[in-house]
Amino acid sequence: MRQSNLNHHLISELKRRMPIGKRSEGDIFFLAFALSSIIFLVPISMALEWAQLHASAFTTLAGLALVTVSIGVWRNTQQLKTALLVYELTLLALILVNAFMLGGVTSPVMVWLGIVPLLPLFIASMKWAYAFLALAFIAVLLFYGLSISTTFHLSPASPTEQLFAAFMFGTFIMAQTVLISTVQGITANRSRKIAKDNQRLRAVTEQMSLAHEHKDKFLSHVSHEMRTPLNVIHGYLELLHNRQDLPDDAHEQVEQLYSASTHMLSLVNDLLDYSQIHQGQFTLAIQPVELPTLIHQVFGTLQHQAHQKNLDWVYNESPTLPRWVQTDPTRLTQILLNLLGNAIKFTSQGQVQLDVSYSPSHQMREATLHIVVSDTGPGIPTAVLNKIFAPFYQLHPQQVQRKGQALQGNGLGLAITHGLVKNWQGKIDVHSTVGKGTTFHVTLPLTETSPVKPSPALQSKPTAEPTTLPLRILVVDDHTMNRMVASATIRKHLPDCQVEQAENGHQALQKMATELYDVVLLDVVMPDLSGIEVLQTVRQTYPEPYRNVRTIAFTANVEADIKNQCERTGFDGFLSKPFNVHTLMHMLKPIDPNLPASSVEHHDNEPVRP
């Protein structure tokens, strides 16, 4: 083990000192062999000189010089094989010259012929190895012929001893040939097996990737398609829920149905968000936002739920918190709602506290928004603390008691929050003590900005008088039930308004060409013309004031690219299905010139009970 670590250290150090661009496996083998030859040839030449074998010592020094030349060829050219050839011929010549001077075929120097084919085997090819094996075998035969001739008298050994030596060296070289062939066969078989295994792994990986892609597309498609019927169900349930003439038992049943549809919508939203984050389709819609106002609105949204559980609902805002910042209000709202909602859900007594602070930029550190949500709930066991951000993970009932909740969460809230923060280049930490509570700490990059001024284009759009004239509203949707529930909801909350309907894009164009509406709720996906095509036609070809009609995208497709496309087309707002009545009423209000244009668009992915 120590020897293996030492070798690894030596090779790593050698590679670190090698020139950049010459650190391949072949380069490492060549340099290791060449340096080893230099290291061994120096003491060998000294030993030969000490033994009075001056000629052999001289040839060894000459070989040392030629090995150094081969290293120079390797370092200064791109010809690794040329350097290899110089090295191999030097080694072969050194062995043969010394064997010629020290006994011919019976000389112990002939043993070194065994290392001649090793380096070509490692860095060139099998053909190179076989070539040098053949040269070594020819050298043995040549030396045997010279040894038995009467001209040279290379060795004092008897003919039988010379024959035996030639036979042994020849057999040794043949054994090397067989060994190399065997290694080649084993290596080839392993390579073929590895190639087949890799091919199978690639096929399995492709299948898994395809299945994963189909799963994500299925989740996205199903989530989108479920929004259309949910819009009708949730809309009518909301109308029934607000009726005062229902019997008590009917009102209780409607309330339970409304709660179930709200939970179903939350599940659909979470599946869609998780699918988008997992597919890498996460995008941030950065825009100027009045930060304290946004946080107060989110905090107030959940205040009723906290008070229903008799929880202290505490908000601490740092005095250094900037008023106007560049951020994504939808995603920031989603993070706050997930963390605060979880804190309320898991806390039965005590308090839930939100602390928001701000760290301005300083030297190399960017400005940061700090969000801390703490509760006095049961806490999270340390053993499962690192699992809570995994998708679909839920604490076991024995770990967290939640009485009277038939509709539990889906295990995606924290996974989505973690994905949002991570893709936002932020950080989320959690600290928890069983029996005392849990604290989540989120940090997000933030940029201060100047207050947003009203948009002249929005101020110039025709609207009804804020207090005297009723609104004229056009609802465009190819689904009859969607038009009916939207129209009924508008009439319920704005009884004096005039609501008209169009069932497709062409009908919408006809109405918008002859009637001046205050607001148009325009479905984005329709069979004849999309809402985007309708609005492009209106904005580009209709005369004023018809081209400036305030238009809200009304769609079940809430993916980021659709939102961006709607914004580029010129929509003045984006209302998702199923819609939230408060969001709808907010969008139908006439534009106040004293408000920034960004306040017209209100993002709210989860319906809240009115």
Foldseek 3Di string as FASTA:
>chain_A
DVVVVVVVVVLVVVLVPADPVQNDQLSSLLVVVLVVLLVVLVVVLVVCVVVVVPVLSVLSVVLNVQSVVLVVCVRPDVCNVVSLVSNLVSQVVSLLVVCQQAAFLLDPSLVVLLCSLVSCVRNPHVVSSVVSLVVSLVSLVVSLVVCPDPPRVSHPDDNVSSVVSSVVSNVSSVVVVVVSVVVVVVVVVVVVVVVVVVVVVVVVVVVVVVVLVVVLVVLQVVLLVVLVVLLLQLLVLLVVLPDPPDPPVVNVVSVVSNVVSLQVLVVSVLSNLVSCLVVVLDDAPWDKDQPVVLVVVLLVLCPVLQVVLPAAREEAEDPPDAGIWTGRSQLVSLLVCLLQVVQSQQANYYYKYWYWYWDPDDDVRHIKIKIKIKHFGQWADPVCQVPLLPAQDDDDCVSTPGPPDPRDHRSRSSVSSCSSLVVQVKDWDKDIDGRGIIMIMIMGGIGGDDDFAADPLLVPADADPQPDDAFEEEEEELDPSSLVSVVVLCCVVRVRHHYHYHNALVSVLVCLQPDQGQEYAAEQDDDPHGSLRSLLCLLPPHDPPSNSHAYEHERSNPRPVVVVSCVVSPHQEYAHGSGASVQVVLLSRRDDNRDHSVSNYDDDSRHGRD
